[in-house]
N, C-alpha and C. Protein backbone atom coordinates (compact mmCIF):
# COMPACT_ATOMS: atom_id res chain seq x y z
N UNK A 1 -31.30 8.62 12.58
CA UNK A 1 -31.78 7.69 11.89
C UNK A 1 -30.99 6.36 12.71
N UNK A 2 -31.31 5.12 12.95
CA UNK A 2 -30.32 4.39 12.99
C UNK A 2 -30.33 3.09 11.58
N UNK A 3 -29.76 2.47 11.75
CA UNK A 3 -29.23 1.61 10.30
C UNK A 3 -29.85 0.19 11.32
N UNK A 4 -30.47 -0.14 10.12
CA UNK A 4 -30.92 -1.16 10.95
C UNK A 4 -30.07 -2.60 10.60
N UNK A 5 -29.92 -3.48 11.84
CA UNK A 5 -29.35 -4.25 12.05
C UNK A 5 -29.59 -5.65 12.46
N UNK A 6 -28.83 -6.37 12.09
CA UNK A 6 -29.47 -8.27 12.59
C UNK A 6 -29.31 -8.51 13.81
N UNK A 7 -28.47 -7.75 15.00
CA UNK A 7 -28.55 -7.59 15.87
C UNK A 7 -27.51 -8.22 16.39
N UNK A 8 -27.01 -8.74 16.01
CA UNK A 8 -25.59 -10.22 15.98
C UNK A 8 -24.64 -9.58 16.66
N UNK A 9 -24.12 -8.05 17.11
CA UNK A 9 -23.27 -7.17 17.74
C UNK A 9 -23.42 -6.11 17.55
N UNK A 10 -23.19 -5.33 18.36
CA UNK A 10 -22.86 -3.92 18.63
C UNK A 10 -21.91 -3.39 17.58
N UNK A 11 -22.36 -2.11 17.24
CA UNK A 11 -21.06 -1.01 16.23
C UNK A 11 -20.14 -1.42 16.60
N UNK A 12 -19.02 -1.19 15.91
CA UNK A 12 -17.89 -0.93 16.75
C UNK A 12 -17.37 0.39 16.07
N UNK A 13 -16.37 0.84 16.94
CA UNK A 13 -16.08 2.09 16.38
C UNK A 13 -14.67 2.07 16.43
N UNK A 14 -13.99 2.66 15.27
CA UNK A 14 -12.53 2.35 15.76
C UNK A 14 -11.46 3.33 14.66
N UNK A 15 -10.23 3.96 15.17
CA UNK A 15 -9.93 5.01 14.16
C UNK A 15 -9.40 4.11 13.04
N UNK A 16 -9.26 5.20 12.27
CA UNK A 16 -8.62 5.10 10.78
C UNK A 16 -7.43 4.21 10.63
N UNK A 17 -6.81 4.56 11.22
CA UNK A 17 -5.00 4.11 11.98
C UNK A 17 -5.42 2.71 12.53
N UNK A 18 -6.39 2.09 12.95
CA UNK A 18 -6.51 0.86 13.56
C UNK A 18 -6.66 0.50 12.91
N UNK A 19 -7.67 0.31 11.60
CA UNK A 19 -7.88 0.07 10.56
C UNK A 19 -6.99 -0.50 9.87
N UNK A 20 -6.24 0.58 8.94
CA UNK A 20 -5.11 0.29 8.50
C UNK A 20 -4.09 -0.72 9.11
N UNK A 21 -3.57 -0.71 10.42
CA UNK A 21 -3.23 -1.40 11.29
C UNK A 21 -3.25 -2.87 11.23
N UNK A 22 -4.67 -3.12 10.99
CA UNK A 22 -5.07 -4.70 11.04
C UNK A 22 -5.44 -4.72 9.48
N UNK A 23 -5.20 -3.91 8.37
CA UNK A 23 -4.84 -4.04 7.67
C UNK A 23 -3.56 -4.91 6.92
N UNK A 24 -2.88 -4.39 7.19
CA UNK A 24 -1.79 -5.15 7.38
C UNK A 24 -1.43 -5.51 7.74
N UNK A 25 -1.10 -6.11 9.14
CA UNK A 25 -1.16 -6.92 9.75
C UNK A 25 -1.50 -8.41 9.54
N UNK A 26 -3.25 -8.38 8.26
CA UNK A 26 -3.23 -9.48 7.61
C UNK A 26 -2.96 -9.83 6.83
N UNK A 27 -2.58 -8.70 6.14
CA UNK A 27 -1.93 -8.77 4.24
C UNK A 27 -0.46 -9.29 5.04
N UNK A 28 0.35 -8.46 5.91
CA UNK A 28 1.54 -9.57 5.95
C UNK A 28 1.33 -11.42 6.23
N UNK A 29 -0.14 -11.46 7.30
CA UNK A 29 -0.24 -13.05 7.59
C UNK A 29 -0.67 -13.78 5.90
N UNK A 30 -0.94 -12.82 5.19
CA UNK A 30 -1.73 -13.46 3.97
C UNK A 30 -0.37 -13.94 2.84
N UNK A 31 0.40 -12.83 2.75
CA UNK A 31 1.49 -12.57 2.42
C UNK A 31 2.49 -13.85 2.59
N UNK A 32 2.49 -13.73 4.10
CA UNK A 32 3.47 -14.94 4.60
C UNK A 32 3.08 -16.67 4.66
N UNK A 33 1.35 -16.64 3.71
CA UNK A 33 0.80 -18.04 3.84
C UNK A 33 0.99 -18.52 2.16
N UNK A 34 1.25 -16.92 1.09
CA UNK A 34 1.74 -17.05 -0.18
C UNK A 34 -0.05 -16.84 -0.96
N UNK A 35 -0.94 -15.91 -0.14
CA UNK A 35 -1.66 -15.33 -0.91
C UNK A 35 -1.51 -14.23 -1.21
N UNK A 36 -0.72 -14.45 -1.98
CA UNK A 36 -0.22 -12.49 -3.06
C UNK A 36 -1.07 -11.46 -3.09
N UNK A 37 -2.63 -11.77 -3.90
CA UNK A 37 -3.97 -11.52 -4.90
C UNK A 37 -4.27 -10.98 -3.31
N UNK A 38 -4.70 -11.38 -2.34
CA UNK A 38 -5.31 -10.71 -1.34
C UNK A 38 -3.96 -9.70 -0.33
N UNK A 39 -2.81 -10.18 0.02
CA UNK A 39 -1.93 -9.14 0.25
C UNK A 39 -2.04 -7.86 -0.19
N UNK A 40 -1.92 -7.61 -1.40
CA UNK A 40 -2.07 -6.89 -2.66
C UNK A 40 -3.23 -6.22 -2.19
N UNK A 41 -4.59 -6.20 -1.83
CA UNK A 41 -5.28 -4.86 -2.02
C UNK A 41 -5.77 -4.81 -0.81
N UNK A 42 -5.23 -5.40 0.19
CA UNK A 42 -5.30 -5.43 2.00
C UNK A 42 -3.87 -4.15 1.99
N UNK A 43 -3.40 -4.64 1.42
CA UNK A 43 -1.57 -4.24 2.34
C UNK A 43 -2.43 -2.37 1.38
N UNK A 44 -2.81 -2.66 -0.20
CA UNK A 44 -2.81 -1.42 -0.42
C UNK A 44 -3.86 -0.68 0.23
N UNK A 45 -4.48 -1.09 0.54
CA UNK A 45 -6.08 0.10 1.42
C UNK A 45 -5.57 0.18 2.74
N UNK A 46 -4.40 -0.44 3.15
CA UNK A 46 -3.50 0.37 4.90
C UNK A 46 -2.80 1.31 4.27
N UNK A 47 -1.98 1.15 2.61
CA UNK A 47 -0.71 2.16 2.46
C UNK A 47 -2.05 3.21 2.41
N UNK A 48 -2.94 3.49 1.70
CA UNK A 48 -3.35 4.27 0.99
C UNK A 48 -3.77 5.29 2.68
N UNK A 49 -4.16 4.15 3.46
CA UNK A 49 -5.50 5.12 4.50
C UNK A 49 -4.19 5.87 5.78
N UNK A 50 -2.90 4.82 5.72
CA UNK A 50 -1.45 5.61 6.57
C UNK A 50 -1.22 6.93 5.56
N UNK A 51 -1.44 7.10 3.94
CA UNK A 51 -0.83 8.17 3.24
C UNK A 51 -1.59 9.20 3.67
N UNK A 52 -3.17 8.88 3.49
CA UNK A 52 -3.77 10.04 3.72
C UNK A 52 -3.82 10.67 5.49
N UNK A 53 -3.22 10.06 6.88
CA UNK A 53 -3.14 10.14 7.99
C UNK A 53 -1.85 10.96 7.67
N UNK A 54 -1.20 10.62 6.72
CA UNK A 54 0.07 11.67 6.93
C UNK A 54 0.27 12.86 5.86
N UNK A 55 -0.54 12.61 4.57
CA UNK A 55 -1.06 14.12 5.05
C UNK A 55 -2.18 14.85 5.03
N UNK A 56 -2.29 14.53 6.06
CA UNK A 56 -3.31 15.41 7.20
C UNK A 56 -2.86 15.77 8.51
N UNK A 57 -1.32 15.36 8.11
CA UNK A 57 -0.58 16.05 9.52
C UNK A 57 0.87 16.85 8.84
N UNK A 58 0.75 17.35 7.68
CA UNK A 58 0.85 17.61 6.79
C UNK A 58 2.45 17.51 6.73
N UNK A 59 2.60 16.16 6.22
CA UNK A 59 4.00 15.09 6.29
C UNK A 59 3.47 14.97 4.20
N UNK A 60 4.84 13.54 3.97
CA UNK A 60 4.67 13.04 2.61
C UNK A 60 4.40 11.41 2.82
N UNK A 61 3.73 10.74 2.50
CA UNK A 61 3.93 9.72 2.49
C UNK A 61 4.73 9.30 1.63
N UNK A 62 5.57 7.78 1.67
CA UNK A 62 6.34 7.24 1.08
C UNK A 62 6.61 7.97 -0.39
N UNK A 63 5.41 7.35 -1.41
CA UNK A 63 4.97 8.03 -2.65
C UNK A 63 5.54 8.90 -2.89
N UNK A 64 4.96 10.45 -2.30
CA UNK A 64 4.92 11.30 -2.06
C UNK A 64 6.38 11.70 -2.08
N UNK A 65 7.06 11.34 -0.86
CA UNK A 65 8.60 11.23 -0.94
C UNK A 65 9.53 10.60 -2.07
N UNK A 66 9.19 9.69 -2.32
CA UNK A 66 9.79 9.21 -3.72
C UNK A 66 9.76 9.95 -4.99
N UNK A 67 8.84 10.27 -4.91
CA UNK A 67 8.55 11.19 -6.57
C UNK A 67 9.00 12.77 -6.35
N UNK A 68 9.16 13.29 -4.84
CA UNK A 68 9.86 14.49 -4.54
C UNK A 68 11.75 13.88 -4.97
N UNK A 69 12.02 13.04 -4.44
CA UNK A 69 13.79 12.95 -4.95
C UNK A 69 13.36 12.54 -6.60
N UNK A 70 12.69 12.02 -7.00
CA UNK A 70 12.89 11.68 -8.72
C UNK A 70 12.61 13.32 -8.97
N UNK A 71 12.28 14.34 -8.52
CA UNK A 71 12.18 15.59 -9.17
C UNK A 71 13.17 15.70 -8.81
N UNK A 72 14.01 16.11 -7.41
CA UNK A 72 14.75 16.59 -7.27
C UNK A 72 16.04 16.21 -8.44
N UNK A 73 15.92 14.90 -8.42
CA UNK A 73 17.21 14.70 -9.29
C UNK A 73 16.62 15.09 -10.45
N UNK A 74 15.59 14.65 -11.18
CA UNK A 74 15.13 15.66 -13.05
C UNK A 74 16.06 16.79 -12.08
N UNK A 75 15.85 17.56 -11.70
CA UNK A 75 16.12 19.29 -11.77
C UNK A 75 17.61 19.53 -11.36
N UNK A 76 17.93 19.16 -9.93
CA UNK A 76 19.17 18.35 -10.26
C UNK A 76 20.31 18.19 -11.62
N UNK A 77 20.20 17.20 -12.05
CA UNK A 77 20.58 16.29 -13.30
C UNK A 77 20.00 16.83 -14.91
N UNK A 78 18.97 17.14 -14.80
CA UNK A 78 18.43 17.29 -16.26
C UNK A 78 17.75 16.02 -17.37
N UNK A 79 18.39 14.58 -16.12
CA UNK A 79 18.31 13.88 -16.29
C UNK A 79 16.58 13.34 -16.63
N UNK A 80 15.89 12.64 -17.29
CA UNK A 80 14.64 12.07 -17.76
C UNK A 80 14.23 11.35 -16.53
N UNK A 81 14.26 11.11 -15.58
CA UNK A 81 13.82 9.47 -14.19
C UNK A 81 12.66 9.15 -14.98
N UNK A 82 12.54 8.51 -14.65
CA UNK A 82 11.54 7.58 -14.99
C UNK A 82 10.72 8.14 -16.38
N UNK A 83 11.04 8.33 -17.31
CA UNK A 83 10.60 8.91 -18.46
C UNK A 83 10.21 10.47 -18.40
N UNK A 84 10.27 10.88 -17.53
CA UNK A 84 9.71 12.52 -17.72
C UNK A 84 8.14 12.12 -17.02
N UNK A 85 7.90 11.07 -17.11
CA UNK A 85 6.37 11.35 -16.35
C UNK A 85 5.84 12.37 -15.34
N UNK A 86 4.56 12.09 -15.22
CA UNK A 86 3.86 13.50 -14.23
C UNK A 86 3.80 12.63 -13.11
N UNK A 87 3.92 12.98 -12.02
CA UNK A 87 3.73 12.59 -10.43
C UNK A 87 2.43 11.98 -10.63
N UNK A 88 1.03 12.18 -11.12
CA UNK A 88 -0.40 11.43 -11.24
C UNK A 88 0.59 10.16 -12.35
N UNK A 89 1.01 10.45 -13.54
CA UNK A 89 1.66 9.56 -14.08
C UNK A 89 1.91 7.71 -13.24
N UNK A 90 3.04 8.66 -12.78
CA UNK A 90 3.91 7.79 -11.67
C UNK A 90 2.87 6.80 -10.75
N UNK A 91 2.20 7.57 -10.24
CA UNK A 91 1.75 7.00 -8.73
C UNK A 91 0.42 6.11 -9.14
N UNK A 92 -0.03 6.76 -10.90
CA UNK A 92 -0.68 5.36 -11.39
C UNK A 92 -0.40 4.06 -11.72
N UNK A 93 1.10 4.25 -11.88
CA UNK A 93 1.47 3.12 -12.67
C UNK A 93 1.95 2.33 -11.26
N UNK A 94 2.29 3.03 -9.99
CA UNK A 94 3.00 2.14 -9.35
C UNK A 94 1.41 1.77 -8.50
N UNK A 95 0.46 1.92 -8.50
CA UNK A 95 -0.38 2.09 -8.08
C UNK A 95 -2.04 0.50 -9.22
N UNK A 96 -0.74 0.28 -10.17
CA UNK A 96 -1.78 -0.35 -11.82
C UNK A 96 -2.24 -1.71 -10.78
N UNK A 97 -1.39 -2.54 -10.16
CA UNK A 97 -2.01 -3.77 -9.53
C UNK A 97 -2.61 -3.72 -8.25
N UNK A 98 -2.95 -2.79 -7.78
CA UNK A 98 -4.06 -2.98 -6.80
C UNK A 98 -4.86 -1.91 -7.45
N UNK A 99 -4.98 -1.28 -8.18
CA UNK A 99 -6.26 -0.68 -8.46
C UNK A 99 -6.77 -1.73 -10.10
N UNK A 100 -6.08 -2.28 -10.25
CA UNK A 100 -6.70 -3.08 -11.27
C UNK A 100 -7.60 -4.64 -10.51
N UNK A 101 -6.67 -4.99 -9.18
CA UNK A 101 -7.30 -6.27 -8.35
C UNK A 101 -8.72 -5.53 -8.05
N UNK A 102 -8.61 -4.58 -7.87
CA UNK A 102 -10.41 -4.10 -6.96
C UNK A 102 -10.85 -3.25 -8.07
N UNK A 103 -11.09 -3.24 -9.23
CA UNK A 103 -11.89 -2.45 -10.52
C UNK A 103 -12.18 -2.91 -11.46
N UNK A 104 -13.07 -2.76 -11.89
CA UNK A 104 -13.14 -3.18 -13.01
C UNK A 104 -14.61 -2.54 -14.15
N UNK A 105 -13.88 -2.14 -15.09
CA UNK A 105 -14.67 -0.98 -16.24
C UNK A 105 -14.78 -1.41 -17.32
N UNK A 106 -15.59 -0.32 -18.58
CA UNK A 106 -15.60 -0.98 -19.67
C UNK A 106 -14.46 -1.19 -20.16
N UNK A 107 -13.71 -0.70 -20.37
CA UNK A 107 -12.03 -0.86 -21.13
C UNK A 107 -11.39 -2.17 -20.11
N UNK A 108 -11.92 -2.09 -19.30
CA UNK A 108 -11.37 -3.36 -18.69
C UNK A 108 -10.58 -4.75 -19.57
N UNK A 109 -9.38 -5.25 -19.55
CA UNK A 109 -9.48 -6.60 -20.22
C UNK A 109 -9.97 -7.46 -19.23
N UNK A 110 -10.62 -8.89 -19.41
CA UNK A 110 -11.14 -9.78 -18.83
C UNK A 110 -9.83 -10.68 -18.10
N UNK A 111 -8.84 -10.59 -18.30
CA UNK A 111 -7.56 -11.65 -17.71
C UNK A 111 -6.52 -10.26 -17.68
N UNK A 112 -5.46 -10.32 -16.43
CA UNK A 112 -4.60 -9.57 -16.70
C UNK A 112 -3.09 -10.67 -15.88
N UNK A 113 -2.41 -9.95 -16.68
CA UNK A 113 -0.73 -10.48 -16.16
C UNK A 113 -0.15 -9.57 -15.30
N UNK A 114 0.29 -10.07 -14.13
CA UNK A 114 1.32 -9.24 -13.41
C UNK A 114 2.09 -10.08 -12.10
N UNK A 115 3.52 -9.71 -11.51
CA UNK A 115 4.10 -10.60 -10.38
C UNK A 115 3.41 -10.23 -9.01
N UNK A 116 2.29 -11.03 -8.79
CA UNK A 116 1.76 -10.85 -7.67
C UNK A 116 2.02 -11.21 -6.33
N UNK A 117 3.61 -12.25 -6.60
CA UNK A 117 4.51 -11.70 -5.39
C UNK A 117 5.37 -10.44 -4.87
N UNK A 118 5.93 -9.85 -6.55
CA UNK A 118 5.93 -8.71 -6.22
C UNK A 118 5.82 -7.83 -5.83
N UNK A 119 4.18 -7.67 -6.60
CA UNK A 119 2.99 -6.62 -6.16
C UNK A 119 2.92 -6.55 -4.38
N UNK A 120 2.65 -7.85 -3.91
CA UNK A 120 2.28 -7.66 -2.65
C UNK A 120 3.53 -7.12 -1.53
N UNK A 121 4.91 -7.63 -2.38
CA UNK A 121 5.96 -7.48 -1.18
C UNK A 121 5.90 -5.78 -1.22
N UNK A 122 6.60 -5.28 -2.39
CA UNK A 122 6.10 -3.34 -2.57
C UNK A 122 5.32 -3.25 -2.27
N UNK A 123 4.02 -3.80 -2.23
CA UNK A 123 2.35 -2.55 -1.15
C UNK A 123 3.06 -2.53 -0.26
N UNK A 124 3.04 -3.78 0.81
CA UNK A 124 3.56 -3.51 1.99
C UNK A 124 4.57 -3.28 2.62
N UNK A 125 5.48 -2.56 1.77
CA UNK A 125 6.81 -2.26 1.85
C UNK A 125 6.47 -0.96 2.26
N UNK A 126 5.67 -0.42 0.94
CA UNK A 126 5.35 1.02 1.23
C UNK A 126 4.56 1.16 2.45
N UNK A 127 3.45 -0.19 2.66
CA UNK A 127 2.61 0.71 3.90
C UNK A 127 3.55 0.47 4.71
N UNK A 128 3.88 -0.36 5.48
CA UNK A 128 4.42 -0.30 5.95
C UNK A 128 5.40 1.25 6.92
N UNK A 129 6.09 1.50 5.48
CA UNK A 129 7.30 2.86 5.60
C UNK A 129 6.33 3.97 6.16
N UNK A 130 5.10 3.31 5.86
CA UNK A 130 3.99 4.73 6.09
C UNK A 130 3.48 4.82 7.32
N UNK A 131 3.56 2.92 7.88
CA UNK A 131 3.14 3.54 9.25
C UNK A 131 4.10 4.00 10.29
N UNK A 132 5.91 3.36 9.59
CA UNK A 132 6.32 4.09 10.43
C UNK A 132 6.97 5.15 10.25
N UNK A 133 6.33 6.34 9.71
CA UNK A 133 6.18 7.02 9.58
C UNK A 133 5.37 8.28 10.74
N UNK A 134 4.33 7.00 10.92
CA UNK A 134 3.60 7.99 11.44
C UNK A 134 3.24 6.74 12.52
N UNK A 135 4.60 6.75 13.28
CA UNK A 135 5.10 6.06 14.16
C UNK A 135 4.09 4.82 15.09
N UNK A 136 3.19 4.42 13.72
CA UNK A 136 2.91 3.04 14.39
C UNK A 136 3.14 1.84 14.24
N UNK A 137 3.15 1.46 15.35
CA UNK A 137 3.78 -0.35 15.35
C UNK A 137 3.18 -1.67 14.54
N UNK A 138 3.83 -2.70 13.50
CA UNK A 138 3.24 -3.51 13.02
C UNK A 138 4.07 -4.43 13.65
N UNK A 139 3.15 -5.34 14.24
CA UNK A 139 3.86 -6.22 15.85
C UNK A 139 4.35 -7.69 14.40
N UNK A 140 3.78 -7.42 12.96
CA UNK A 140 4.60 -8.51 12.19
C UNK A 140 5.27 -8.26 11.27
N UNK A 141 5.56 -6.98 11.52
CA UNK A 141 6.76 -6.86 10.16
C UNK A 141 8.04 -7.37 9.93
N UNK A 142 8.57 -7.76 11.65
CA UNK A 142 9.76 -8.20 11.74
C UNK A 142 10.05 -9.70 11.18
N UNK A 143 8.82 -10.23 11.84
CA UNK A 143 7.91 -11.11 10.61
C UNK A 143 8.35 -11.59 9.24
N UNK A 144 7.75 -10.57 8.43
CA UNK A 144 7.90 -10.09 7.47
C UNK A 144 9.26 -10.27 6.75
N UNK A 145 10.01 -8.97 7.61
CA UNK A 145 11.48 -8.54 7.36
C UNK A 145 12.35 -9.89 7.42
N UNK A 146 11.63 -10.60 8.04
CA UNK A 146 12.75 -12.48 8.27
C UNK A 146 12.76 -13.05 7.40
N UNK A 147 11.37 -13.03 6.74
CA UNK A 147 10.99 -13.92 5.89
C UNK A 147 10.97 -14.11 4.60
N UNK A 148 11.87 -12.50 4.15
CA UNK A 148 12.45 -11.50 3.15
C UNK A 148 14.04 -12.41 3.06
N UNK A 149 14.01 -11.82 4.32
CA UNK A 149 15.80 -12.41 4.23
C UNK A 149 16.03 -14.03 4.00
N UNK A 150 15.61 -14.40 4.78
CA UNK A 150 15.79 -16.08 5.12
C UNK A 150 15.55 -17.09 2.96
N UNK A 151 14.48 -16.39 2.50
CA UNK A 151 13.85 -16.13 1.36
C UNK A 151 14.11 -15.90 0.39
N UNK A 152 14.42 -14.46 0.23
CA UNK A 152 14.90 -14.40 -0.79
C UNK A 152 16.12 -13.41 -0.89
N UNK A 153 16.90 -13.85 0.34
CA UNK A 153 18.31 -13.01 0.47
C UNK A 153 18.68 -11.55 0.11
N UNK A 154 17.78 -10.67 0.47
CA UNK A 154 17.90 -9.78 -0.19
C UNK A 154 18.87 -8.75 0.63
């Protein structure tokens, strides 16, 4: 059974890694143009695809590796790192901006407050880390890193 089409162009066959690569490249372009809200959602989508590809290869995404480090510190020191929140609680916290921008439910507020720049920056960094772990090169990564060095002095 074929899906009806407008006939303007043929279907495109594309890998999930290529989808995420395009999303992340566009997210970086948007970030560099000061369009942080859309940069969050696009880089968040790329980060999630890359993370699931890593999981499919038996590897940990950056957020999973970060939680593993948190848990290791907890085990070795007895400290309440991240308030002893569970893995799911921490992941939900780290993805709050992305999820809030993508979804609206019955209990959701009509307006939100968040630092769009910071959220876009960190989501892009996470997506880039996952891409690097998959040996996927993102052409605009250097442009992103240079912009941050020049403008933020990190």
